Amino acid sequence: MNYANLKEKTVNGIKWSSLDKFGKLGGQFVVGIILTRLLNPVDYGLIGMITIFIVIGQSLINSGFGQALIQKKDADNVDFSTVFYFNILTSVVIYLILFFSAPLIARFYDQPQLIPLIKVICLSFVIDAFGLIHIIRLNKNLQFKAPSLIGIISVIISGTVSIFMAYKGFGVWSLVTHTVLRSVVTSFSLWWVSKWQPLLVFSKTSLKKLFSFGSKILIAGLMQSIFNNLYFLIIGRFFIADSLGYYTRAVQFRDMPLKTITAVVQDVTFPVFSTLQNDDRKLISGYTKAIRMLSAGVLPLMALIYITSRPLIHMVLGEKWLPVIPYLKLMALYGWIYVIFTINTQIVVVRGRSDYYLQIQIIDKVLIVIALLLTYRYNIMTIIYGNMAATVITTLITSIYLRKIINISLLYQLQNILPFIFAAFIMLIAGIILEKYIENDVWYLFISVSLSTVIYVFLLWILKVDELKTGIKMASKIFRSS
């Protein structure tokens, strides 16, 4: 693939990946608001208690082979078919383990109603496994149109059904149905529109080769899933279900836009970076563009979440969800660091250093455990402060690894994102000052968002940041071609 063709596919990939992620974001946001108003914190707390088991199962099903297939330049149908059958077998085993472990999990939390919830919601593991390879093949070829449309349709269908169930008083089961039905619609649609079907072959040689790279990604991903969601386990065990419900909603409100934007770029840049893995100059150039564009979007977004959290929670979710506000504000302050960590580790994987990636994840998890041991006895705010400290330290360590494999230093990273940090900080201060003088939620929301956006754009213009012009041109090109 020549560079011009790659660039064209990248732009097209960003267009469809953006449609997918932001379409689902909009759908999930609307569905989430309606469900939150219909349900109560205890319902979200119950789901939060089993979140760690859900994400562990999802990590095991992927098995790291997804990245291995994309990273491998000569992956063929035998490779894809082998991983397809392996994923299905893995998903069935994981489901059976959780099915029979449900009573133990319920006893741990002292919540008997978790038993049927676990047995049903974990069916999504097996269902997802049937469509996983279809998505990987499409992503590897930078074909995002079909997954984008399917993703939006699945959110609409599952969201509509879950809202109806919540309205009829099904409570937490509406959330379970949302998860399972979305998996059903997604996997069925991928099989319906995709031309690919697995061969009746299972190659041990292929599995072994992919496992040599994917096993480290699997272990690292599994550790990340466990420890990133360890907070749900600890809060669910040592605090009441309502508190976990508030914490869960705060995490969802922060992660929904943050991980959506990051995923848009990551879905496209990983296969693109993989094609450039042996060209340091082009890889550094691609990295620089990615981290600057992500910082340009995520930093002001996190500032806006902090600024608007009070009126949004009050107006949209209602009085019963006000305890979410302090959690959400604190999470937004350091959420943008996730961008740097994600792109840095992506470069590490692209260069084939899954061993370094595993080491980074081990360090990260050790820091999380230390933070939790020091903070869990106090309150949830203290726990979040501990998570913030661990996240910052891990990101700094990741930069050291990045320097080892490619000539990208911590100073180089800071120089690239400093204009966006400065502009986002000023807009944040302006919003905090406004909050002291405007009590009406509607007026404050309108004025703070408008003024903060103007301040941010104006500062980028003053600083002559190229990404402002590039972003406008790219958005214009994307929408013109759609």
Protein backbone atom coordinates (compact mmCIF):
# COMPACT_ATOMS: atom_id res chain seq x y z
CA MET A 1 0.00 0.00 0.00
CA ASN A 2 1.56 3.32 -1.08
CA TYR A 3 1.62 6.34 1.24
CA ALA A 4 -1.03 8.33 -0.68
CA ASN A 5 -3.45 5.41 -0.63
CA LEU A 6 -2.72 4.85 3.05
CA LYS A 7 -3.46 8.50 3.80
CA GLU A 8 -6.76 8.31 1.90
CA LYS A 9 -7.77 5.14 3.75
CA THR A 10 -6.80 6.75 7.05
CA VAL A 11 -9.04 9.78 6.45
CA ASN A 12 -11.89 7.51 5.35
CA GLY A 13 -11.28 5.30 8.35
CA ILE A 14 -11.44 8.28 10.70
CA LYS A 15 -14.71 9.34 9.10
CA TRP A 16 -16.45 6.01 9.62
CA SER A 17 -14.81 5.32 12.96
CA SER A 18 -15.97 8.75 14.12
CA LEU A 19 -19.50 8.00 12.93
CA ASP A 20 -19.40 4.70 14.77
CA LYS A 21 -18.02 6.01 18.05
CA PHE A 22 -19.89 9.31 18.19
CA GLY A 23 -23.10 7.74 16.89
CA LYS A 24 -22.93 5.15 19.64
CA LEU A 25 -21.87 7.83 22.11
CA GLY A 26 -24.94 9.91 21.31
CA GLY A 27 -27.19 6.86 21.50
CA GLN A 28 -25.65 5.63 24.75
CA PHE A 29 -25.83 9.11 26.24
CA VAL A 30 -29.56 9.44 25.52
CA VAL A 31 -30.30 5.88 26.61
CA GLY A 32 -28.15 6.32 29.71
CA ILE A 33 -29.93 9.49 30.77
CA ILE A 34 -33.38 7.95 30.38
CA LEU A 35 -32.38 4.76 32.20
CA THR A 36 -30.73 6.72 34.99
CA ARG A 37 -33.91 8.69 35.59
CA LEU A 38 -36.01 5.52 35.55
CA LEU A 39 -33.67 3.41 37.69
CA ASN A 40 -31.96 4.02 41.03
CA PRO A 41 -28.33 3.97 42.25
CA VAL A 42 -28.73 0.46 43.69
CA ASP A 43 -29.47 -0.94 40.19
CA TYR A 44 -26.24 0.55 38.84
CA GLY A 45 -24.42 -0.58 41.98
CA LEU A 46 -25.41 -4.22 41.34
CA ILE A 47 -24.09 -4.03 37.77
CA GLY A 48 -20.96 -2.30 39.08
CA MET A 49 -20.33 -5.27 41.40
CA ILE A 50 -20.07 -7.68 38.46
CA THR A 51 -18.33 -5.26 36.08
CA ILE A 52 -14.90 -6.64 36.92
CA PHE A 53 -15.98 -10.16 35.93
CA ILE A 54 -17.49 -8.90 32.68
CA VAL A 55 -14.33 -7.05 31.60
CA ILE A 56 -12.09 -9.97 32.60
CA GLY A 57 -14.18 -12.28 30.44
CA GLN A 58 -14.02 -9.90 27.50
CA SER A 59 -10.23 -9.63 27.81
CA LEU A 60 -9.81 -13.41 27.86
CA ILE A 61 -12.01 -13.86 24.80
CA ASN A 62 -9.92 -11.40 22.78
CA SER A 63 -6.83 -13.28 24.03
CA GLY A 64 -4.48 -10.69 22.52
CA PHE A 65 -4.90 -12.37 19.14
CA GLY A 66 -6.77 -9.38 17.73
CA GLN A 67 -3.68 -7.17 17.98
CA ALA A 68 -1.51 -10.06 16.83
CA LEU A 69 -3.58 -10.55 13.66
CA ILE A 70 -3.49 -6.82 12.86
CA GLN A 71 0.22 -6.51 13.65
CA LYS A 72 1.08 -9.57 11.50
CA LYS A 73 1.46 -8.30 7.93
CA ASP A 74 0.91 -11.68 6.22
CA ALA A 75 -2.06 -12.94 8.29
CA ASP A 76 -4.15 -15.30 6.14
CA ASN A 77 -7.50 -17.10 6.32
CA VAL A 78 -6.01 -19.99 8.27
CA ASP A 79 -4.86 -17.55 10.96
CA PHE A 80 -8.24 -15.86 11.18
CA SER A 81 -10.17 -19.16 11.21
CA THR A 82 -7.94 -20.63 13.90
CA VAL A 83 -8.41 -17.65 16.18
CA PHE A 84 -12.16 -17.66 15.47
CA TYR A 85 -12.58 -21.20 16.83
CA PHE A 86 -10.20 -20.56 19.70
CA ASN A 87 -12.20 -17.49 20.77
CA ILE A 88 -15.49 -19.41 20.75
CA LEU A 89 -14.02 -22.23 22.83
CA THR A 90 -12.55 -19.72 25.27
CA SER A 91 -15.83 -17.84 25.60
CA VAL A 92 -17.78 -21.02 26.43
CA VAL A 93 -15.24 -22.04 29.08
CA ILE A 94 -15.31 -18.57 30.66
CA TYR A 95 -19.09 -18.51 30.69
CA LEU A 96 -19.29 -21.91 32.40
CA ILE A 97 -16.77 -20.84 35.04
CA LEU A 98 -18.76 -17.71 35.87
CA PHE A 99 -22.08 -19.59 35.69
CA PHE A 100 -21.01 -22.00 38.42
CA SER A 101 -19.13 -19.29 40.36
CA ALA A 102 -22.17 -16.99 40.55
CA PRO A 103 -23.22 -18.14 44.07
CA LEU A 104 -19.69 -17.48 45.40
CA ILE A 105 -19.63 -13.99 43.88
CA ALA A 106 -23.07 -13.22 45.33
CA ARG A 107 -21.92 -14.44 48.75
CA PHE A 108 -18.81 -12.24 48.57
CA TYR A 109 -20.97 -9.14 48.14
CA ASP A 110 -23.84 -10.51 50.29
CA GLN A 111 -26.20 -9.84 47.36
CA PRO A 112 -28.15 -13.03 46.42
CA GLN A 113 -29.85 -11.27 43.47
CA LEU A 114 -26.49 -11.26 41.66
CA ILE A 115 -26.73 -15.00 40.87
CA PRO A 116 -29.28 -14.81 38.02
CA LEU A 117 -27.82 -11.49 36.82
CA ILE A 118 -24.38 -13.05 36.32
CA LYS A 119 -25.76 -16.14 34.58
CA VAL A 120 -27.62 -14.07 32.02
CA ILE A 121 -25.35 -11.06 31.38
CA CYS A 122 -22.29 -13.26 30.84
CA LEU A 123 -23.99 -14.91 27.86
CA SER A 124 -22.72 -11.84 25.98
CA PHE A 125 -19.22 -13.40 26.08
CA VAL A 126 -20.21 -16.29 23.84
CA ILE A 127 -22.31 -14.09 21.58
CA ASP A 128 -19.51 -11.50 21.12
CA ALA A 129 -16.99 -14.24 20.25
CA PHE A 130 -18.90 -15.06 17.06
CA GLY A 131 -18.39 -11.56 15.63
CA LEU A 132 -14.98 -10.62 16.96
CA ILE A 133 -12.89 -11.86 14.03
CA HIS A 134 -15.18 -10.13 11.54
CA ILE A 135 -14.42 -6.79 13.22
CA ILE A 136 -10.69 -7.51 13.36
CA ARG A 137 -10.57 -8.30 9.63
CA LEU A 138 -12.41 -5.11 8.77
CA ASN A 139 -10.22 -2.99 11.04
CA LYS A 140 -7.04 -4.50 9.62
CA ASN A 141 -8.13 -3.39 6.15
CA LEU A 142 -9.26 0.03 7.43
CA GLN A 143 -12.87 -0.78 6.50
CA PHE A 144 -15.00 0.87 9.17
CA LYS A 145 -18.27 1.54 7.37
CA ALA A 146 -20.09 -1.73 8.17
CA PRO A 147 -19.03 -1.89 11.85
CA SER A 148 -19.99 1.78 12.24
CA LEU A 149 -23.54 1.30 10.97
CA ILE A 150 -23.95 -1.96 12.89
CA GLY A 151 -22.72 -0.34 16.10
CA ILE A 152 -25.25 2.48 15.87
CA ILE A 153 -28.12 0.12 15.01
CA SER A 154 -27.27 -2.17 17.94
CA VAL A 155 -27.31 0.77 20.38
CA ILE A 156 -30.70 1.97 19.08
CA ILE A 157 -32.37 -1.46 19.25
CA SER A 158 -30.93 -2.55 22.62
CA GLY A 159 -31.46 0.93 24.09
CA THR A 160 -35.10 1.09 23.03
CA VAL A 161 -35.88 -2.32 24.53
CA SER A 162 -34.04 -1.59 27.79
CA ILE A 163 -35.84 1.75 28.21
CA PHE A 164 -39.21 0.03 27.71
CA MET A 165 -38.27 -2.59 30.32
CA ALA A 166 -37.12 0.06 32.81
CA TYR A 167 -40.39 1.96 32.30
CA LYS A 168 -42.32 -1.24 32.98
CA GLY A 169 -40.46 -1.73 36.26
CA PHE A 170 -37.94 -4.45 35.41
CA GLY A 171 -35.21 -2.51 37.27
CA VAL A 172 -31.68 -3.87 36.95
CA TRP A 173 -32.82 -6.43 34.35
CA SER A 174 -33.22 -3.61 31.85
CA LEU A 175 -29.46 -3.01 32.12
CA VAL A 176 -28.73 -6.73 31.69
CA THR A 177 -30.98 -6.88 28.62
CA HIS A 178 -29.23 -3.84 27.15
CA THR A 179 -25.86 -5.61 27.28
CA VAL A 180 -26.99 -9.02 25.98
CA LEU A 181 -29.29 -7.72 23.24
CA ARG A 182 -26.61 -5.36 21.95
CA SER A 183 -24.22 -8.33 21.60
CA VAL A 184 -26.88 -10.34 19.75
CA VAL A 185 -27.65 -7.56 17.26
CA THR A 186 -23.96 -6.80 16.65
CA SER A 187 -22.81 -10.38 16.05
CA PHE A 188 -25.82 -11.32 13.93
CA SER A 189 -25.42 -8.19 11.78
CA LEU A 190 -21.70 -8.77 11.25
CA TRP A 191 -22.41 -12.27 9.95
CA TRP A 192 -25.24 -10.94 7.80
CA VAL A 193 -23.24 -8.22 6.03
CA SER A 194 -19.75 -9.75 6.06
CA LYS A 195 -18.55 -11.90 3.19
CA TRP A 196 -16.06 -13.73 5.40
CA GLN A 197 -16.73 -17.20 6.79
CA PRO A 198 -14.23 -19.28 8.76
CA LEU A 199 -12.57 -22.23 7.11
CA LEU A 200 -13.05 -25.67 8.62
CA VAL A 201 -9.47 -25.65 9.83
CA PHE A 202 -7.63 -25.22 13.10
CA SER A 203 -3.86 -24.76 12.84
CA LYS A 204 -1.78 -25.36 15.94
CA THR A 205 1.21 -23.84 14.14
CA SER A 206 -0.70 -20.65 13.41
CA LEU A 207 -2.00 -20.45 16.98
CA LYS A 208 1.49 -20.96 18.37
CA LYS A 209 2.99 -18.19 16.23
CA LEU A 210 0.24 -15.72 17.09
CA PHE A 211 0.39 -16.71 20.75
CA SER A 212 4.08 -15.81 21.00
CA PHE A 213 3.08 -12.19 20.42
CA GLY A 214 -0.52 -12.22 21.64
CA SER A 215 0.12 -14.00 24.94
CA LYS A 216 1.91 -10.99 26.39
CA ILE A 217 -0.86 -8.71 25.14
CA LEU A 218 -3.37 -11.11 26.71
CA ILE A 219 -1.66 -11.09 30.09
CA ALA A 220 -1.22 -7.32 29.99
CA GLY A 221 -4.82 -6.77 28.89
CA LEU A 222 -6.11 -9.17 31.53
CA MET A 223 -4.16 -7.37 34.23
CA GLN A 224 -5.42 -4.04 32.97
CA SER A 225 -9.03 -5.25 33.03
CA ILE A 226 -8.72 -6.68 36.53
CA PHE A 227 -6.91 -3.82 38.18
CA ASN A 228 -8.69 -0.97 36.41
CA ASN A 229 -11.95 -2.45 37.65
CA LEU A 230 -10.61 -3.43 41.04
CA TYR A 231 -12.11 -0.17 42.29
CA PHE A 232 -15.61 -1.50 41.59
CA LEU A 233 -14.77 -4.63 43.59
CA ILE A 234 -13.36 -2.74 46.57
CA ILE A 235 -16.08 -0.08 46.68
CA GLY A 236 -18.79 -2.72 46.25
CA ARG A 237 -17.30 -4.78 49.10
CA PHE A 238 -16.58 -2.05 51.64
CA PHE A 239 -19.23 0.57 50.81
CA ILE A 240 -22.98 0.41 50.30
CA ALA A 241 -24.49 -0.33 46.88
CA ASP A 242 -25.66 3.29 46.48
CA SER A 243 -22.07 4.55 46.75
CA LEU A 244 -20.92 2.14 44.06
CA GLY A 245 -23.83 3.29 41.91
CA TYR A 246 -22.66 6.92 42.18
CA TYR A 247 -19.05 5.93 41.45
CA THR A 248 -20.13 3.80 38.47
CA ARG A 249 -22.09 6.64 36.89
CA ALA A 250 -19.17 9.07 37.40
CA VAL A 251 -16.80 6.66 35.62
CA GLN A 252 -19.30 6.18 32.79
CA PHE A 253 -19.83 9.92 32.32
CA ARG A 254 -16.08 10.52 32.12
CA ASP A 255 -15.21 7.48 30.01
CA MET A 256 -18.04 7.81 27.51
CA PRO A 257 -16.58 10.85 25.68
CA LEU A 258 -12.95 10.25 26.68
CA LYS A 259 -12.67 6.66 25.45
CA THR A 260 -14.89 7.36 22.46
CA ILE A 261 -12.52 10.00 21.07
CA THR A 262 -9.46 7.92 21.91
CA ALA A 263 -10.98 4.82 20.32
CA VAL A 264 -11.73 6.72 17.09
CA VAL A 265 -8.05 7.55 16.70
CA GLN A 266 -6.78 4.25 18.09
CA ASP A 267 -8.90 2.07 15.81
CA VAL A 268 -7.43 3.81 12.78
CA THR A 269 -3.87 4.53 13.93
CA PHE A 270 -3.05 1.01 15.13
CA PRO A 271 -3.34 -0.63 11.68
CA VAL A 272 -1.78 2.47 10.10
CA PHE A 273 1.14 2.47 12.57
CA SER A 274 1.53 -1.28 11.93
CA THR A 275 2.20 -0.60 8.25
CA LEU A 276 4.83 2.00 9.24
CA GLN A 277 6.44 -0.02 12.04
CA ASN A 278 9.81 -0.29 10.28
CA ASP A 279 10.02 3.38 9.23
CA ASP A 280 11.04 5.45 12.28
CA ARG A 281 10.61 8.82 10.59
CA LYS A 282 7.05 8.18 9.40
CA LEU A 283 6.13 6.43 12.66
CA ILE A 284 7.29 9.41 14.75
CA SER A 285 5.46 11.75 12.41
CA GLY A 286 2.26 9.70 12.76
CA TYR A 287 2.66 9.55 16.54
CA THR A 288 3.12 13.32 16.75
CA LYS A 289 -0.02 14.01 14.71
CA ALA A 290 -2.05 11.51 16.72
CA ILE A 291 -1.07 12.76 20.17
CA ARG A 292 -1.55 16.41 19.21
CA MET A 293 -4.96 15.83 17.64
CA LEU A 294 -6.08 13.74 20.60
CA SER A 295 -4.84 16.32 23.10
CA ALA A 296 -6.55 19.09 21.12
CA GLY A 297 -9.89 17.30 21.53
CA VAL A 298 -9.67 15.54 24.88
CA LEU A 299 -8.13 18.26 27.06
CA PRO A 300 -10.89 20.84 26.49
CA LEU A 301 -13.49 18.08 26.74
CA MET A 302 -12.27 17.08 30.21
CA ALA A 303 -12.27 20.76 31.22
CA LEU A 304 -15.88 21.08 29.99
CA ILE A 305 -16.92 17.98 31.95
CA TYR A 306 -15.49 19.56 35.10
CA ILE A 307 -17.13 22.93 34.40
CA THR A 308 -20.58 21.59 33.51
CA SER A 309 -20.83 18.61 35.90
CA ARG A 310 -23.03 20.41 38.45
CA PRO A 311 -25.74 21.71 36.10
CA LEU A 312 -25.66 18.59 33.90
CA ILE A 313 -26.08 16.12 36.76
CA HIS A 314 -28.71 18.32 38.41
CA MET A 315 -30.73 18.97 35.27
CA VAL A 316 -30.33 15.69 33.43
CA LEU A 317 -30.20 13.04 36.15
CA GLY A 318 -32.02 14.76 39.00
CA GLU A 319 -31.49 15.37 42.72
CA LYS A 320 -30.92 11.71 43.63
CA TRP A 321 -27.69 11.63 41.60
CA LEU A 322 -26.01 14.79 43.00
CA PRO A 323 -23.36 12.75 44.93
CA VAL A 324 -21.88 11.88 41.50
CA ILE A 325 -20.62 15.48 41.01
CA PRO A 326 -17.45 15.51 43.18
CA TYR A 327 -16.37 12.11 41.84
CA LEU A 328 -16.86 13.23 38.24
CA LYS A 329 -15.00 16.52 38.70
CA LEU A 330 -11.95 14.85 40.19
CA MET A 331 -11.88 12.13 37.51
CA ALA A 332 -12.08 14.76 34.77
CA LEU A 333 -9.00 16.55 36.10
CA TYR A 334 -6.68 13.67 35.26
CA GLY A 335 -8.70 11.81 32.63
CA TRP A 336 -6.75 13.39 29.77
CA ILE A 337 -3.59 11.54 30.87
CA TYR A 338 -5.26 8.41 29.50
CA VAL A 339 -4.63 9.81 26.00
CA ILE A 340 -0.86 9.90 26.42
CA PHE A 341 -0.74 6.48 28.03
CA THR A 342 -2.86 4.91 25.27
CA ILE A 343 -0.87 6.29 22.33
CA ASN A 344 2.48 5.53 23.98
CA THR A 345 1.60 1.89 24.67
CA GLN A 346 0.21 1.57 21.15
CA ILE A 347 3.61 2.48 19.70
CA VAL A 348 5.25 -0.08 22.00
CA VAL A 349 2.94 -2.83 20.69
CA VAL A 350 3.31 -1.76 17.04
CA ARG A 351 7.08 -2.10 17.28
CA GLY A 352 6.55 -5.71 18.35
CA ARG A 353 7.70 -5.15 21.94
CA SER A 354 4.85 -6.95 23.68
CA ASP A 355 7.36 -7.77 26.45
CA TYR A 356 7.75 -4.06 27.21
CA TYR A 357 3.97 -3.65 27.08
CA LEU A 358 3.60 -6.41 29.67
CA GLN A 359 6.23 -4.80 31.91
CA ILE A 360 4.40 -1.46 31.74
CA GLN A 361 1.14 -3.13 32.73
CA ILE A 362 2.80 -4.93 35.67
CA ILE A 363 4.22 -1.64 36.96
CA ASP A 364 0.85 0.02 36.53
CA LYS A 365 -0.96 -2.69 38.51
CA VAL A 366 1.58 -2.66 41.33
CA LEU A 367 1.00 1.08 41.68
CA ILE A 368 -2.79 0.57 41.67
CA VAL A 369 -2.55 -2.02 44.46
CA ILE A 370 -0.33 0.27 46.53
CA ALA A 371 -2.76 3.16 46.01
CA LEU A 372 -5.76 1.03 47.01
CA LEU A 373 -4.04 -0.34 50.12
CA LEU A 374 -3.31 3.21 51.23
CA THR A 375 -6.77 4.66 50.53
CA TYR A 376 -9.59 2.08 50.76
CA ARG A 377 -10.10 2.59 54.52
CA TYR A 378 -11.08 6.22 54.11
CA ASN A 379 -13.66 7.32 51.52
CA ILE A 380 -14.28 7.15 47.79
CA MET A 381 -12.76 10.58 47.11
CA THR A 382 -9.50 9.45 48.72
CA ILE A 383 -9.57 6.28 46.60
CA ILE A 384 -9.92 8.42 43.45
CA TYR A 385 -6.97 10.61 44.55
CA GLY A 386 -4.89 7.44 44.89
CA ASN A 387 -5.89 6.32 41.40
CA MET A 388 -4.91 9.72 40.04
CA ALA A 389 -1.42 9.48 41.56
CA ALA A 390 -0.91 5.95 40.21
CA THR A 391 -2.05 7.02 36.72
CA VAL A 392 0.38 9.95 36.57
CA ILE A 393 3.37 7.87 37.71
CA THR A 394 2.57 5.06 35.25
CA THR A 395 2.35 7.51 32.34
CA LEU A 396 5.76 8.95 33.21
CA ILE A 397 7.27 5.45 33.33
CA THR A 398 5.67 4.58 29.97
CA SER A 399 7.49 7.54 28.43
CA ILE A 400 10.80 5.98 29.48
CA TYR A 401 9.95 2.79 27.61
CA LEU A 402 8.93 4.80 24.58
CA ARG A 403 12.36 6.42 24.50
CA LYS A 404 13.95 2.96 24.51
CA ILE A 405 12.34 1.77 21.30
CA ILE A 406 12.02 5.00 19.31
CA ASN A 407 13.45 8.50 19.64
CA ILE A 408 10.47 10.05 21.47
CA SER A 409 11.37 11.63 24.81
CA LEU A 410 9.13 12.89 27.61
CA LEU A 411 10.22 16.44 26.79
CA TYR A 412 9.17 15.93 23.16
CA GLN A 413 5.73 14.75 24.31
CA LEU A 414 5.27 17.70 26.67
CA GLN A 415 6.33 20.17 24.00
CA ASN A 416 3.65 18.80 21.69
CA ILE A 417 0.78 18.92 24.17
CA LEU A 418 1.77 22.03 26.17
CA PRO A 419 -0.29 24.51 24.05
CA PHE A 420 -3.42 22.42 24.63
CA ILE A 421 -2.75 22.08 28.36
CA PHE A 422 -2.36 25.86 28.64
CA ALA A 423 -5.52 26.65 26.65
CA ALA A 424 -7.59 24.04 28.52
CA PHE A 425 -6.33 25.31 31.89
CA ILE A 426 -7.37 28.88 31.11
CA MET A 427 -10.85 27.80 29.97
CA LEU A 428 -11.17 25.72 33.15
CA ILE A 429 -10.33 28.70 35.35
CA ALA A 430 -12.84 30.86 33.48
CA GLY A 431 -15.56 28.27 34.07
CA ILE A 432 -14.77 27.97 37.79
CA ILE A 433 -14.97 31.75 38.20
CA LEU A 434 -18.29 31.91 36.36
CA GLU A 435 -19.77 29.24 38.64
CA LYS A 436 -19.37 31.54 41.63
CA TYR A 437 -21.52 34.25 40.05
CA ILE A 438 -24.21 32.38 38.07
CA GLU A 439 -26.58 30.23 40.11
CA ASN A 440 -29.13 29.36 37.43
CA ASP A 441 -28.15 26.02 35.90
CA VAL A 442 -29.42 26.75 32.40
CA TRP A 443 -27.73 30.14 32.14
CA TYR A 444 -24.51 28.86 33.64
CA LEU A 445 -24.44 25.88 31.27
CA PHE A 446 -24.99 28.04 28.19
CA ILE A 447 -22.59 30.84 29.15
CA SER A 448 -19.81 28.61 30.52
CA VAL A 449 -19.75 26.28 27.49
CA SER A 450 -19.89 29.19 25.02
CA LEU A 451 -17.26 31.29 26.77
CA SER A 452 -14.93 28.36 27.48
CA THR A 453 -15.06 27.20 23.86
CA VAL A 454 -14.34 30.69 22.57
CA ILE A 455 -11.42 31.08 24.99
CA TYR A 456 -9.92 27.73 23.97
CA VAL A 457 -10.19 28.35 20.22
CA PHE A 458 -8.93 31.92 20.57
CA LEU A 459 -5.86 30.82 22.55
CA LEU A 460 -5.02 28.13 19.99
CA TRP A 461 -5.34 30.79 17.28
CA ILE A 462 -3.06 33.17 19.21
CA LEU A 463 -0.54 30.37 19.73
CA LYS A 464 -0.75 29.55 15.99
CA VAL A 465 -1.48 25.88 16.62
CA ASP A 466 -1.69 24.03 13.29
CA GLU A 467 -4.16 21.46 14.63
CA LEU A 468 -6.88 24.13 14.80
CA LYS A 469 -6.70 24.66 11.05
CA THR A 470 -6.13 20.94 10.37
CA GLY A 471 -9.13 19.97 12.48
CA ILE A 472 -11.40 22.39 10.65
CA LYS A 473 -10.18 21.17 7.25
CA MET A 474 -10.49 17.49 8.20
CA ALA A 475 -14.01 17.95 9.59
CA SER A 476 -15.02 19.81 6.45
CA LYS A 477 -13.55 17.10 4.20
CA ILE A 478 -15.17 14.30 6.19
CA PHE A 479 -18.64 15.82 6.10
CA ARG A 480 -18.36 16.81 2.44
CA SER A 481 -17.46 13.26 1.45
CA SER A 482 -20.23 11.71 3.58
